[in-house]
PDB file of N, CA and C in Angstrom:
ATOM      1  N   MET A   1      36.384 -65.355-297.774  1.00  0.00           N
ATOM      2  CA  MET A   1      36.319 -63.957-297.419  1.00  0.00           C
ATOM      3  C   MET A   1      36.447 -63.829-295.907  1.00  0.00           C
ATOM      4  N   PRO A   2      37.602 -63.439-295.426  1.00  0.00           N
ATOM      5  CA  PRO A   2      37.799 -63.349-293.976  1.00  0.00           C
ATOM      6  C   PRO A   2      37.000 -62.197-293.371  1.00  0.00           C
ATOM      7  N   THR A   3      36.376 -62.476-292.240  1.00  0.00           N
ATOM      8  CA  THR A   3      35.642 -61.420-291.537  1.00  0.00           C
ATOM      9  C   THR A   3      35.824 -61.499-290.031  1.00  0.00           C
ATOM     10  N   ASP A   4      36.571 -62.457-289.544  1.00  0.00           N
ATOM     11  CA  ASP A   4      36.789 -62.584-288.109  1.00  0.00           C
ATOM     12  C   ASP A   4      38.291 -62.521-287.853  1.00  0.00           C
ATOM     13  N   PHE A   5      38.721 -61.418-287.276  1.00  0.00           N
ATOM     14  CA  PHE A   5      40.153 -61.180-287.076  1.00  0.00           C
ATOM     15  C   PHE A   5      40.562 -61.310-285.612  1.00  0.00           C
ATOM     16  N   ARG A   6      39.693 -61.890-284.799  1.00  0.00           N
ATOM     17  CA  ARG A   6      39.955 -61.958-283.360  1.00  0.00           C
ATOM     18  C   ARG A   6      41.067 -62.919-282.977  1.00  0.00           C
ATOM     19  N   ASP A   7      41.438 -63.847-283.849  1.00  0.00           N
ATOM     20  CA  ASP A   7      42.486 -64.805-283.491  1.00  0.00           C
ATOM     21  C   ASP A   7      43.887 -64.236-283.665  1.00  0.00           C
ATOM     22  N   GLY A   8      44.018 -63.071-284.268  1.00  0.00           N
ATOM     23  CA  GLY A   8      45.332 -62.471-284.481  1.00  0.00           C
ATOM     24  C   GLY A   8      46.150 -63.149-285.564  1.00  0.00           C
ATOM     25  N   LYS A   9      45.563 -64.132-286.238  1.00  0.00           N
ATOM     26  CA  LYS A   9      46.256 -64.859-287.301  1.00  0.00           C
ATOM     27  C   LYS A   9      45.530 -64.734-288.640  1.00  0.00           C
ATOM     28  N   THR A  10      44.326 -64.223-288.602  1.00  0.00           N
ATOM     29  CA  THR A  10      43.523 -64.031-289.803  1.00  0.00           C
ATOM     30  C   THR A  10      43.448 -62.537-290.053  1.00  0.00           C
ATOM     31  N   PHE A  11      43.684 -62.142-291.305  1.00  0.00           N
ATOM     32  CA  PHE A  11      43.801 -60.729-291.630  1.00  0.00           C
ATOM     33  C   PHE A  11      42.899 -60.365-292.804  1.00  0.00           C
ATOM     34  N   PRO A  12      42.568 -59.081-292.915  1.00  0.00           N
ATOM     35  CA  PRO A  12      41.885 -58.640-294.136  1.00  0.00           C
ATOM     36  C   PRO A  12      42.797 -58.872-295.331  1.00  0.00           C
ATOM     37  N   ARG A  13      42.225 -58.959-296.489  1.00  0.00           N
ATOM     38  CA  ARG A  13      43.051 -59.134-297.676  1.00  0.00           C
ATOM     39  C   ARG A  13      43.965 -57.934-297.884  1.00  0.00           C
ATOM     40  N   ARG A  14      45.016 -58.167-298.609  1.00  0.00           N
ATOM     41  CA  ARG A  14      46.031 -57.135-298.840  1.00  0.00           C
ATOM     42  C   ARG A  14      45.443 -55.947-299.592  1.00  0.00           C
ATOM     43  N   GLY A  15      45.939 -54.773-299.279  1.00  0.00           N
ATOM     44  CA  GLY A  15      45.535 -53.575-299.985  1.00  0.00           C
ATOM     45  C   GLY A  15      45.957 -53.576-301.437  1.00  0.00           C
ATOM     46  N   ARG A  16      46.981 -54.340-301.757  1.00  0.00           N
ATOM     47  CA  ARG A  16      47.468 -54.429-303.138  1.00  0.00           C
ATOM     48  C   ARG A  16      46.679 -55.430-303.987  1.00  0.00           C
ATOM     49  N   GLU A  17      45.828 -56.225-303.350  1.00  0.00           N
ATOM     50  CA  GLU A  17      45.048 -57.230-304.091  1.00  0.00           C
ATOM     51  C   GLU A  17      43.908 -56.536-304.822  1.00  0.00           C
ATOM     52  N   PRO A  18      43.884 -56.590-306.145  1.00  0.00           N
ATOM     53  CA  PRO A  18      42.845 -55.850-306.880  1.00  0.00           C
ATOM     54  C   PRO A  18      41.507 -56.585-306.923  1.00  0.00           C
ATOM     55  N   ALA A  19      40.472 -55.785-307.005  1.00  0.00           N
ATOM     56  CA  ALA A  19      39.129 -56.257-307.349  1.00  0.00           C
ATOM     57  C   ALA A  19      38.776 -55.458-308.589  1.00  0.00           C
ATOM     58  N   GLY A  20      38.685 -56.114-309.716  1.00  0.00           N
ATOM     59  CA  GLY A  20      38.573 -55.364-310.958  1.00  0.00           C
ATOM     60  C   GLY A  20      39.835 -54.530-311.100  1.00  0.00           C
ATOM     61  N   GLU A  21      39.676 -53.242-311.268  1.00  0.00           N
ATOM     62  CA  GLU A  21      40.825 -52.330-311.358  1.00  0.00           C
ATOM     63  C   GLU A  21      41.182 -51.705-310.016  1.00  0.00           C
ATOM     64  N   ALA A  22      40.368 -51.902-309.006  1.00  0.00           N
ATOM     65  CA  ALA A  22      40.505 -51.179-307.742  1.00  0.00           C
ATOM     66  C   ALA A  22      41.377 -51.919-306.733  1.00  0.00           C
ATOM     67  N   LEU A  23      42.369 -51.215-306.245  1.00  0.00           N
ATOM     68  CA  LEU A  23      43.131 -51.678-305.090  1.00  0.00           C
ATOM     69  C   LEU A  23      42.360 -51.260-303.840  1.00  0.00           C
ATOM     70  N   TRP A  24      42.639 -51.929-302.732  1.00  0.00           N
ATOM     71  CA  TRP A  24      42.093 -51.615-301.413  1.00  0.00           C
ATOM     72  C   TRP A  24      40.634 -52.024-301.231  1.00  0.00           C
ATOM     73  N   LEU A  25      39.871 -52.222-302.290  1.00  0.00           N
ATOM     74  CA  LEU A  25      38.450 -52.520-302.148  1.00  0.00           C
ATOM     75  C   LEU A  25      38.216 -53.797-301.346  1.00  0.00           C
ATOM     76  N   LEU A  26      38.948 -54.854-301.635  1.00  0.00           N
ATOM     77  CA  LEU A  26      38.727 -56.109-300.919  1.00  0.00           C
ATOM     78  C   LEU A  26      39.103 -55.977-299.448  1.00  0.00           C
ATOM     79  N   ARG A  27      40.170 -55.248-299.161  1.00  0.00           N
ATOM     80  CA  ARG A  27      40.582 -55.056-297.774  1.00  0.00           C
ATOM     81  C   ARG A  27      39.513 -54.288-296.993  1.00  0.00           C
ATOM     82  N   VAL A  28      39.042 -53.196-297.554  1.00  0.00           N
ATOM     83  CA  VAL A  28      38.054 -52.398-296.829  1.00  0.00           C
ATOM     84  C   VAL A  28      36.717 -53.141-296.758  1.00  0.00           C
ATOM     85  N   PHE A  29      36.414 -53.965-297.736  1.00  0.00           N
ATOM     86  CA  PHE A  29      35.205 -54.793-297.688  1.00  0.00           C
ATOM     87  C   PHE A  29      35.318 -55.788-296.532  1.00  0.00           C
ATOM     88  N   ASP A  30      36.457 -56.450-296.404  1.00  0.00           N
ATOM     89  CA  ASP A  30      36.667 -57.381-295.293  1.00  0.00           C
ATOM     90  C   ASP A  30      36.527 -56.661-293.950  1.00  0.00           C
ATOM     91  N   LYS A  31      37.159 -55.504-293.830  1.00  0.00           N
ATOM     92  CA  LYS A  31      37.110 -54.759-292.576  1.00  0.00           C
ATOM     93  C   LYS A  31      35.700 -54.254-292.275  1.00  0.00           C
ATOM     94  N   GLY A  32      34.999 -53.791-293.281  1.00  0.00           N
ATOM     95  CA  GLY A  32      33.636 -53.319-293.082  1.00  0.00           C
ATOM     96  C   GLY A  32      32.714 -54.427-292.619  1.00  0.00           C
ATOM     97  N   ARG A  33      32.845 -55.609-293.214  1.00  0.00           N
ATOM     98  CA  ARG A  33      32.016 -56.740-292.802  1.00  0.00           C
ATOM     99  C   ARG A  33      32.370 -57.177-291.387  1.00  0.00           C
ATOM    100  N   ALA A  34      33.661 -57.179-291.058  1.00  0.00           N
ATOM    101  CA  ALA A  34      34.072 -57.555-289.704  1.00  0.00           C
ATOM    102  C   ALA A  34      33.573 -56.537-288.677  1.00  0.00           C
ATOM    103  N   ALA A  35      33.634 -55.264-289.011  1.00  0.00           N
ATOM    104  CA  ALA A  35      33.132 -54.238-288.091  1.00  0.00           C
ATOM    105  C   ALA A  35      31.642 -54.427-287.852  1.00  0.00           C
ATOM    106  N   ALA A  36      30.896 -54.701-288.909  1.00  0.00           N
ATOM    107  CA  ALA A  36      29.454 -54.911-288.782  1.00  0.00           C
ATOM    108  C   ALA A  36      29.131 -56.146-287.939  1.00  0.00           C
ATOM    109  N   ALA A  37      29.989 -57.160-288.014  1.00  0.00           N
ATOM    110  CA  ALA A  37      29.774 -58.404-287.274  1.00  0.00           C
ATOM    111  C   ALA A  37      30.346 -58.363-285.850  1.00  0.00           C
ATOM    112  N   GLY A  38      31.101 -57.303-285.527  1.00  0.00           N
ATOM    113  CA  GLY A  38      31.726 -57.218-284.216  1.00  0.00           C
ATOM    114  C   GLY A  38      32.946 -58.111-284.072  1.00  0.00           C
ATOM    115  N   THR A  39      33.577 -58.457-285.192  1.00  0.00           N
ATOM    116  CA  THR A  39      34.734 -59.365-285.171  1.00  0.00           C
ATOM    117  C   THR A  39      35.995 -58.704-285.729  1.00  0.00           C
ATOM    118  N   ILE A  40      36.043 -57.390-285.693  1.00  0.00           N
ATOM    119  CA  ILE A  40      37.169 -56.666-286.286  1.00  0.00           C
ATOM    120  C   ILE A  40      38.409 -56.685-285.397  1.00  0.00           C
ATOM    121  N   HIS A  41      38.255 -57.002-284.122  1.00  0.00           N
ATOM    122  CA  HIS A  41      39.344 -57.106-283.152  1.00  0.00           C
ATOM    123  C   HIS A  41      40.054 -55.767-283.026  1.00  0.00           C
ATOM    124  N   ASP A  42      41.358 -55.709-283.305  1.00  0.00           N
ATOM    125  CA  ASP A  42      42.091 -54.457-283.097  1.00  0.00           C
ATOM    126  C   ASP A  42      42.320 -53.662-284.385  1.00  0.00           C
ATOM    127  N   TYR A  43      41.669 -54.057-285.457  1.00  0.00           N
ATOM    128  CA  TYR A  43      41.715 -53.249-286.676  1.00  0.00           C
ATOM    129  C   TYR A  43      40.799 -52.046-286.508  1.00  0.00           C
ATOM    130  N   MET A  44      41.135 -50.976-287.199  1.00  0.00           N
ATOM    131  CA  MET A  44      40.280 -49.790-287.191  1.00  0.00           C
ATOM    132  C   MET A  44      39.539 -49.719-288.519  1.00  0.00           C
ATOM    133  N   TYR A  45      38.268 -49.394-288.435  1.00  0.00           N
ATOM    134  CA  TYR A  45      37.452 -49.207-289.637  1.00  0.00           C
ATOM    135  C   TYR A  45      36.435 -48.119-289.364  1.00  0.00           C
ATOM    136  N   PRO A  46      36.361 -47.122-290.196  1.00  0.00           N
ATOM    137  CA  PRO A  46      37.295 -46.836-291.282  1.00  0.00           C
ATOM    138  C   PRO A  46      38.528 -46.112-290.741  1.00  0.00           C
ATOM    139  N   CYS A  47      39.682 -46.641-291.054  1.00  0.00           N
ATOM    140  CA  CYS A  47      40.941 -46.016-290.662  1.00  0.00           C
ATOM    141  C   CYS A  47      41.256 -44.873-291.641  1.00  0.00           C
ATOM    142  N   SER A  48      42.357 -44.199-291.412  1.00  0.00           N
ATOM    143  CA  SER A  48      42.703 -43.069-292.280  1.00  0.00           C
ATOM    144  C   SER A  48      42.955 -43.526-293.718  1.00  0.00           C
ATOM    145  N   MET A  49      43.506 -44.699-293.914  1.00  0.00           N
ATOM    146  CA  MET A  49      43.700 -45.221-295.275  1.00  0.00           C
ATOM    147  C   MET A  49      42.343 -45.511-295.922  1.00  0.00           C
ATOM    148  N   ASP A  50      41.441 -46.138-295.180  1.00  0.00           N
ATOM    149  CA  ASP A  50      40.097 -46.406-295.706  1.00  0.00           C
ATOM    150  C   ASP A  50      39.437 -45.097-296.133  1.00  0.00           C
ATOM    151  N   ARG A  51      39.509 -44.109-295.265  1.00  0.00           N
ATOM    152  CA  ARG A  51      38.878 -42.815-295.547  1.00  0.00           C
ATOM    153  C   ARG A  51      39.524 -42.125-296.741  1.00  0.00           C
ATOM    154  N   GLY A  52      40.853 -42.215-296.837  1.00  0.00           N
ATOM    155  CA  GLY A  52      41.549 -41.597-297.963  1.00  0.00           C
ATOM    156  C   GLY A  52      41.163 -42.217-299.292  1.00  0.00           C
ATOM    157  N   VAL A  53      41.043 -43.522-299.308  1.00  0.00           N
ATOM    158  CA  VAL A  53      40.643 -44.218-300.532  1.00  0.00           C
ATOM    159  C   VAL A  53      39.190 -43.877-300.867  1.00  0.00           C
ATOM    160  N   MET A  54      38.324 -43.960-299.872  1.00  0.00           N
ATOM    161  CA  MET A  54      36.909 -43.648-300.106  1.00  0.00           C
ATOM    162  C   MET A  54      36.736 -42.223-300.623  1.00  0.00           C
ATOM    163  N   GLU A  55      37.490 -41.297-300.061  1.00  0.00           N
ATOM    164  CA  GLU A  55      37.410 -39.909-300.511  1.00  0.00           C
ATOM    165  C   GLU A  55      37.747 -39.810-301.998  1.00  0.00           C
ATOM    166  N   ARG A  56      38.788 -40.483-302.414  1.00  0.00           N
ATOM    167  CA  ARG A  56      39.185 -40.456-303.828  1.00  0.00           C
ATOM    168  C   ARG A  56      38.178 -41.185-304.712  1.00  0.00           C
ATOM    169  N   TRP A  57      37.525 -42.187-304.151  1.00  0.00           N
ATOM    170  CA  TRP A  57      36.461 -42.878-304.885  1.00  0.00           C
ATOM    171  C   TRP A  57      35.196 -42.031-304.985  1.00  0.00           C
ATOM    172  N   GLY A  58      35.065 -41.051-304.076  1.00  0.00           N
ATOM    173  CA  GLY A  58      33.843 -40.263-304.034  1.00  0.00           C
ATOM    174  C   GLY A  58      32.726 -40.963-303.282  1.00  0.00           C
ATOM    175  N   VAL A  59      33.103 -41.790-302.302  1.00  0.00           N
ATOM    176  CA  VAL A  59      32.160 -42.572-301.512  1.00  0.00           C
ATOM    177  C   VAL A  59      32.359 -42.213-300.039  1.00  0.00           C
ATOM    178  N   THR A  60      31.277 -41.983-299.315  1.00  0.00           N
ATOM    179  CA  THR A  60      31.397 -41.720-297.880  1.00  0.00           C
ATOM    180  C   THR A  60      31.455 -43.050-297.120  1.00  0.00           C
ATOM    181  N   PRO A  61      31.998 -43.028-295.912  1.00  0.00           N
ATOM    182  CA  PRO A  61      31.967 -44.249-295.102  1.00  0.00           C
ATOM    183  C   PRO A  61      30.547 -44.770-294.891  1.00  0.00           C
ATOM    184  N   GLU A  62      29.588 -43.876-294.752  1.00  0.00           N
ATOM    185  CA  GLU A  62      28.205 -44.296-294.562  1.00  0.00           C
ATOM    186  C   GLU A  62      27.672 -45.005-295.812  1.00  0.00           C
ATOM    187  N   GLU A  63      28.013 -44.486-296.988  1.00  0.00           N
ATOM    188  CA  GLU A  63      27.602 -45.145-298.240  1.00  0.00           C
ATOM    189  C   GLU A  63      28.255 -46.517-298.367  1.00  0.00           C
ATOM    190  N   PHE A  64      29.523 -46.606-297.978  1.00  0.00           N
ATOM    191  CA  PHE A  64      30.206 -47.893-298.066  1.00  0.00           C
ATOM    192  C   PHE A  64      29.595 -48.880-297.076  1.00  0.00           C
ATOM    193  N   ASP A  65      29.288 -48.422-295.873  1.00  0.00           N
ATOM    194  CA  ASP A  65      28.648 -49.298-294.885  1.00  0.00           C
ATOM    195  C   ASP A  65      27.322 -49.840-295.420  1.00  0.00           C
ATOM    196  N   ALA A  66      26.549 -48.989-296.056  1.00  0.00           N
ATOM    197  CA  ALA A  66      25.276 -49.433-296.635  1.00  0.00           C
ATOM    198  C   ALA A  66      25.519 -50.477-297.723  1.00  0.00           C
ATOM    199  N   ALA A  67      26.557 -50.269-298.524  1.00  0.00           N
ATOM    200  CA  ALA A  67      26.891 -51.242-299.574  1.00  0.00           C
ATOM    201  C   ALA A  67      27.323 -52.571-298.963  1.00  0.00           C
ATOM    202  N   VAL A  68      28.086 -52.521-297.875  1.00  0.00           N
ATOM    203  CA  VAL A  68      28.512 -53.746-297.190  1.00  0.00           C
ATOM    204  C   VAL A  68      27.287 -54.516-296.696  1.00  0.00           C
ATOM    205  N   ARG A  69      26.325 -53.802-296.138  1.00  0.00           N
ATOM    206  CA  ARG A  69      25.106 -54.470-295.650  1.00  0.00           C
ATOM    207  C   ARG A  69      24.300 -55.065-296.795  1.00  0.00           C
ATOM    208  N   ALA A  70      24.315 -54.425-297.950  1.00  0.00           N
ATOM    209  CA  ALA A  70      23.475 -54.856-299.077  1.00  0.00           C
ATOM    210  C   ALA A  70      24.127 -55.897-299.975  1.00  0.00           C
ATOM    211  N   HIS A  71      25.445 -56.034-299.909  1.00  0.00           N
ATOM    212  CA  HIS A  71      26.170 -56.904-300.853  1.00  0.00           C
ATOM    213  C   HIS A  71      27.092 -57.845-300.085  1.00  0.00           C
ATOM    214  N   ALA A  72      26.764 -59.113-300.103  1.00  0.00           N
ATOM    215  CA  ALA A  72      27.487 -60.090-299.293  1.00  0.00           C
ATOM    216  C   ALA A  72      28.742 -60.655-299.951  1.00  0.00           C
ATOM    217  N   SER A  73      28.801 -60.662-301.265  1.00  0.00           N
ATOM    218  CA  SER A  73      29.930 -61.326-301.936  1.00  0.00           C
ATOM    219  C   SER A  73      30.849 -60.309-302.606  1.00  0.00           C
ATOM    220  N   ASP A  74      32.047 -60.784-302.940  1.00  0.00           N
ATOM    221  CA  ASP A  74      32.998 -59.953-303.683  1.00  0.00           C
ATOM    222  C   ASP A  74      32.401 -59.501-305.013  1.00  0.00           C
ATOM    223  N   ALA A  75      31.745 -60.417-305.705  1.00  0.00           N
ATOM    224  CA  ALA A  75      31.170 -60.077-307.010  1.00  0.00           C
ATOM    225  C   ALA A  75      30.111 -58.992-306.870  1.00  0.00           C
ATOM    226  N   GLU A  76      29.295 -59.079-305.827  1.00  0.00           N
ATOM    227  CA  GLU A  76      28.245 -58.080-305.617  1.00  0.00           C
ATOM    228  C   GLU A  76      28.825 -56.719-305.271  1.00  0.00           C
ATOM    229  N   ILE A  77      29.803 -56.691-304.369  1.00  0.00           N
ATOM    230  CA  ILE A  77      30.385 -55.399-303.982  1.00  0.00           C
ATOM    231  C   ILE A  77      31.128 -54.796-305.162  1.00  0.00           C
ATOM    232  N   LEU A  78      31.758 -55.629-305.976  1.00  0.00           N
ATOM    233  CA  LEU A  78      32.461 -55.118-307.152  1.00  0.00           C
ATOM    234  C   LEU A  78      31.473 -54.521-308.154  1.00  0.00           C
ATOM    235  N   ARG A  79      30.333 -55.186-308.377  1.00  0.00           N
ATOM    236  CA  ARG A  79      29.315 -54.621-309.274  1.00  0.00           C
ATOM    237  C   ARG A  79      28.823 -53.272-308.757  1.00  0.00           C
ATOM    238  N   TRP A  80      28.543 -53.191-307.462  1.00  0.00           N
ATOM    239  CA  TRP A  80      28.117 -51.921-306.869  1.00  0.00           C
ATOM    240  C   TRP A  80      29.198 -50.866-307.077  1.00  0.00           C
ATOM    241  N   PHE A  81      30.419 -51.221-306.761  1.00  0.00           N
ATOM    242  CA  PHE A  81      31.547 -50.303-306.850  1.00  0.00           C
ATOM    243  C   PHE A  81      31.726 -49.786-308.275  1.00  0.00           C
ATOM    244  N   GLU A  82      31.732 -50.682-309.234  1.00  0.00           N
ATOM    245  CA  GLU A  82      31.951 -50.275-310.631  1.00  0.00           C
ATOM    246  C   GLU A  82      30.815 -49.391-311.148  1.00  0.00           C
ATOM    247  N   ALA A  83      29.606 -49.594-310.636  1.00  0.00           N
ATOM    248  CA  ALA A  83      28.484 -48.739-311.029  1.00  0.00           C
ATOM    249  C   ALA A  83      28.537 -47.387-310.313  1.00  0.00           C
ATOM    250  N   ARG A  84      29.169 -47.340-309.160  1.00  0.00           N
ATOM    251  CA  ARG A  84      29.159 -46.142-308.309  1.00  0.00           C
ATOM    252  C   ARG A  84      30.383 -45.253-308.491  1.00  0.00           C
ATOM    253  N   VAL A  85      31.559 -45.854-308.722  1.00  0.00           N
ATOM    254  CA  VAL A  85      32.820 -45.102-308.710  1.00  0.00           C
ATOM    255  C   VAL A  85      33.334 -44.930-310.131  1.00  0.00           C
ATOM    256  N   PRO A  86      33.562 -43.683-310.549  1.00  0.00           N
ATOM    257  CA  PRO A  86      34.084 -43.457-311.900  1.00  0.00           C
ATOM    258  C   PRO A  86      35.542 -43.906-312.011  1.00  0.00           C
ATOM    259  N   ALA A  87      35.955 -44.206-313.236  1.00  0.00           N
ATOM    260  CA  ALA A  87      37.326 -44.671-313.488  1.00  0.00           C
ATOM    261  C   ALA A  87      38.363 -43.691-312.945  1.00  0.00           C
ATOM    262  N   GLU A  88      38.065 -42.383-313.035  1.00  0.00           N
ATOM    263  CA  GLU A  88      39.031 -41.393-312.521  1.00  0.00           C
ATOM    264  C   GLU A  88      39.234 -41.553-311.019  1.00  0.00           C
ATOM    265  N   GLY A  89      38.173 -41.879-310.298  1.00  0.00           N
ATOM    266  CA  GLY A  89      38.277 -42.094-308.861  1.00  0.00           C
ATOM    267  C   GLY A  89      39.097 -43.327-308.532  1.00  0.00           C
ATOM    268  N   VAL A  90      38.909 -44.369-309.305  1.00  0.00           N
ATOM    269  CA  VAL A  90      39.697 -45.600-309.115  1.00  0.00           C
ATOM    270  C   VAL A  90      41.174 -45.301-309.364  1.00  0.00           C
ATOM    271  N   ARG A  91      41.469 -44.619-310.465  1.00  0.00           N
ATOM    272  CA  ARG A  91      42.861 -44.285-310.784  1.00  0.00           C
ATOM    273  C   ARG A  91      43.488 -43.395-309.707  1.00  0.00           C
ATOM    274  N   ALA A  92      42.744 -42.400-309.240  1.00  0.00           N
ATOM    275  CA  ALA A  92      43.266 -41.500-308.208  1.00  0.00           C
ATOM    276  C   ALA A  92      43.567 -42.257-306.914  1.00  0.00           C
ATOM    277  N   ALA A  93      42.662 -43.122-306.508  1.00  0.00           N
ATOM    278  CA  ALA A  93      42.869 -43.896-305.285  1.00  0.00           C
ATOM    279  C   ALA A  93      44.039 -44.860-305.444  1.00  0.00           C
ATOM    280  N   ASN A  94      44.117 -45.546-306.582  1.00  0.00           N
ATOM    281  CA  ASN A  94      45.221 -46.477-306.812  1.00  0.00           C
ATOM    282  C   ASN A  94      46.567 -45.751-306.798  1.00  0.00           C
ATOM    283  N   ALA A  95      46.620 -44.590-307.423  1.00  0.00           N
ATOM    284  CA  ALA A  95      47.869 -43.820-307.453  1.00  0.00           C
ATOM    285  C   ALA A  95      48.251 -43.373-306.046  1.00  0.00           C
ATOM    286  N   TRP A  96      47.278 -42.935-305.272  1.00  0.00           N
ATOM    287  CA  TRP A  96      47.539 -42.502-303.903  1.00  0.00           C
ATOM    288  C   TRP A  96      48.087 -43.659-303.070  1.00  0.00           C
ATOM    289  N   ILE A  97      47.469 -44.823-303.218  1.00  0.00           N
ATOM    290  CA  ILE A  97      47.906 -45.998-302.456  1.00  0.00           C
ATOM    291  C   ILE A  97      49.316 -46.418-302.871  1.00  0.00           C
ATOM    292  N   THR A  98      49.528 -46.573-304.167  1.00  0.00           N
ATOM    293  CA  THR A  98      50.795 -47.148-304.619  1.00  0.00           C
ATOM    294  C   THR A  98      51.952 -46.150-304.587  1.00  0.00           C
ATOM    295  N   ASN A  99      51.670 -44.874-304.684  1.00  0.00           N
ATOM    296  CA  ASN A  99      52.738 -43.875-304.660  1.00  0.00           C
ATOM    297  C   ASN A  99      52.910 -43.262-303.272  1.00  0.00           C
ATOM    298  N   ASP A 100      51.866 -42.641-302.771  1.00  0.00           N
ATOM    299  CA  ASP A 100      51.971 -41.911-301.512  1.00  0.00           C
ATOM    300  C   ASP A 100      51.950 -42.812-300.285  1.00  0.00           C
ATOM    301  N   LYS A 101      51.321 -43.947-300.385  1.00  0.00           N
ATOM    302  CA  LYS A 101      51.135 -44.819-299.216  1.00  0.00           C
ATOM    303  C   LYS A 101      51.820 -46.172-299.351  1.00  0.00           C
ATOM    304  N   ALA A 102      52.788 -46.282-300.239  1.00  0.00           N
ATOM    305  CA  ALA A 102      53.484 -47.560-300.440  1.00  0.00           C
ATOM    306  C   ALA A 102      54.134 -48.057-299.154  1.00  0.00           C
ATOM    307  N   SER A 103      54.693 -47.154-298.363  1.00  0.00           N
ATOM    308  CA  SER A 103      55.331 -47.587-297.117  1.00  0.00           C
ATOM    309  C   SER A 103      54.299 -48.145-296.140  1.00  0.00           C
ATOM    310  N   ASN A 104      53.088 -47.601-296.149  1.00  0.00           N
ATOM    311  CA  ASN A 104      52.023 -48.161-295.314  1.00  0.00           C
ATOM    312  C   ASN A 104      51.680 -49.584-295.750  1.00  0.00           C
ATOM    313  N   LEU A 105      51.605 -49.797-297.067  1.00  0.00           N
ATOM    314  CA  LEU A 105      51.320 -51.139-297.580  1.00  0.00           C
ATOM    315  C   LEU A 105      52.430 -52.109-297.200  1.00  0.00           C
ATOM    316  N   ASP A 106      53.676 -51.663-297.322  1.00  0.00           N
ATOM    317  CA  ASP A 106      54.805 -52.520-296.952  1.00  0.00           C
ATOM    318  C   ASP A 106      54.740 -52.886-295.464  1.00  0.00           C
ATOM    319  N   ARG A 107      54.427 -51.910-294.616  1.00  0.00           N
ATOM    320  CA  ARG A 107      54.329 -52.161-293.179  1.00  0.00           C
ATOM    321  C   ARG A 107      53.188 -53.139-292.883  1.00  0.00           C
ATOM    322  N   GLN A 108      52.042 -52.952-293.516  1.00  0.00           N
ATOM    323  CA  GLN A 108      50.918 -53.872-293.309  1.00  0.00           C
ATOM    324  C   GLN A 108      51.309 -55.286-293.709  1.00  0.00           C
ATOM    325  N   ASP A 109      51.955 -55.420-294.867  1.00  0.00           N
ATOM    326  CA  ASP A 109      52.381 -56.743-295.320  1.00  0.00           C
ATOM    327  C   ASP A 109      53.311 -57.388-294.301  1.00  0.00           C
ATOM    328  N   ALA A 110      54.261 -56.625-293.794  1.00  0.00           N
ATOM    329  CA  ALA A 110      55.208 -57.172-292.814  1.00  0.00           C
ATOM    330  C   ALA A 110      54.492 -57.572-291.534  1.00  0.00           C
ATOM    331  N   GLU A 111      53.587 -56.737-291.054  1.00  0.00           N
ATOM    332  CA  GLU A 111      52.860 -57.037-289.815  1.00  0.00           C
ATOM    333  C   GLU A 111      51.961 -58.255-289.973  1.00  0.00           C
ATOM    334  N   GLU A 112      51.472 -58.483-291.190  1.00  0.00           N
ATOM    335  CA  GLU A 112      50.550 -59.591-291.425  1.00  0.00           C
ATOM    336  C   GLU A 112      51.242 -60.815-292.014  1.00  0.00           C
ATOM    337  N   GLY A 113      52.588 -60.792-292.023  1.00  0.00           N
ATOM    338  CA  GLY A 113      53.353 -61.959-292.416  1.00  0.00           C
ATOM    339  C   GLY A 113      53.423 -62.226-293.910  1.00  0.00           C
ATOM    340  N   ILE A 114      53.240 -61.192-294.730  1.00  0.00           N
ATOM    341  CA  ILE A 114      53.357 -61.326-296.184  1.00  0.00           C
ATOM    342  C   ILE A 114      54.794 -61.005-296.562  1.00  0.00           C
ATOM    343  N   ALA A 115      55.435 -61.943-297.238  1.00  0.00           N
ATOM    344  CA  ALA A 115      56.847 -61.732-297.620  1.00  0.00           C
ATOM    345  C   ALA A 115      56.954 -60.745-298.764  1.00  0.00           C
TER     346      ALA A 115
END
C-alpha cells in the first residue's frame, strides 16, 4: 500500500483498480494516508475527483479522513466503505468516473507511466 509519493516514482493506485465494486477507493485511500503522514508530495487531497467521488458515495472528506485514521488496511477500509456507502452510490460514482471522467483517468495513467 503506497503512502509515500515524495520520490516522484511511487504513485497512488489507479483509479480504475477496484476494491470490491468501488473504483477510486484504493486511490483515495492511498492519498488520504499519504496526506495524513505528510508524504503526499505534489498530489492534491482531496482533489476535485476525490470530492466528486465522495459526493456520489454520500461521504464527506472529513468522514473519509476519520475512516483513514481508523482503518489501516485495504480490507478494513473496504469493510467500512461497504457498510457506509449504498450500492446506488457506488454505481453512481463508478459511472461518473468511467463515463464523465475517463479522459482524466487516461491522463493520470499516462502521467504515472501506466500503458
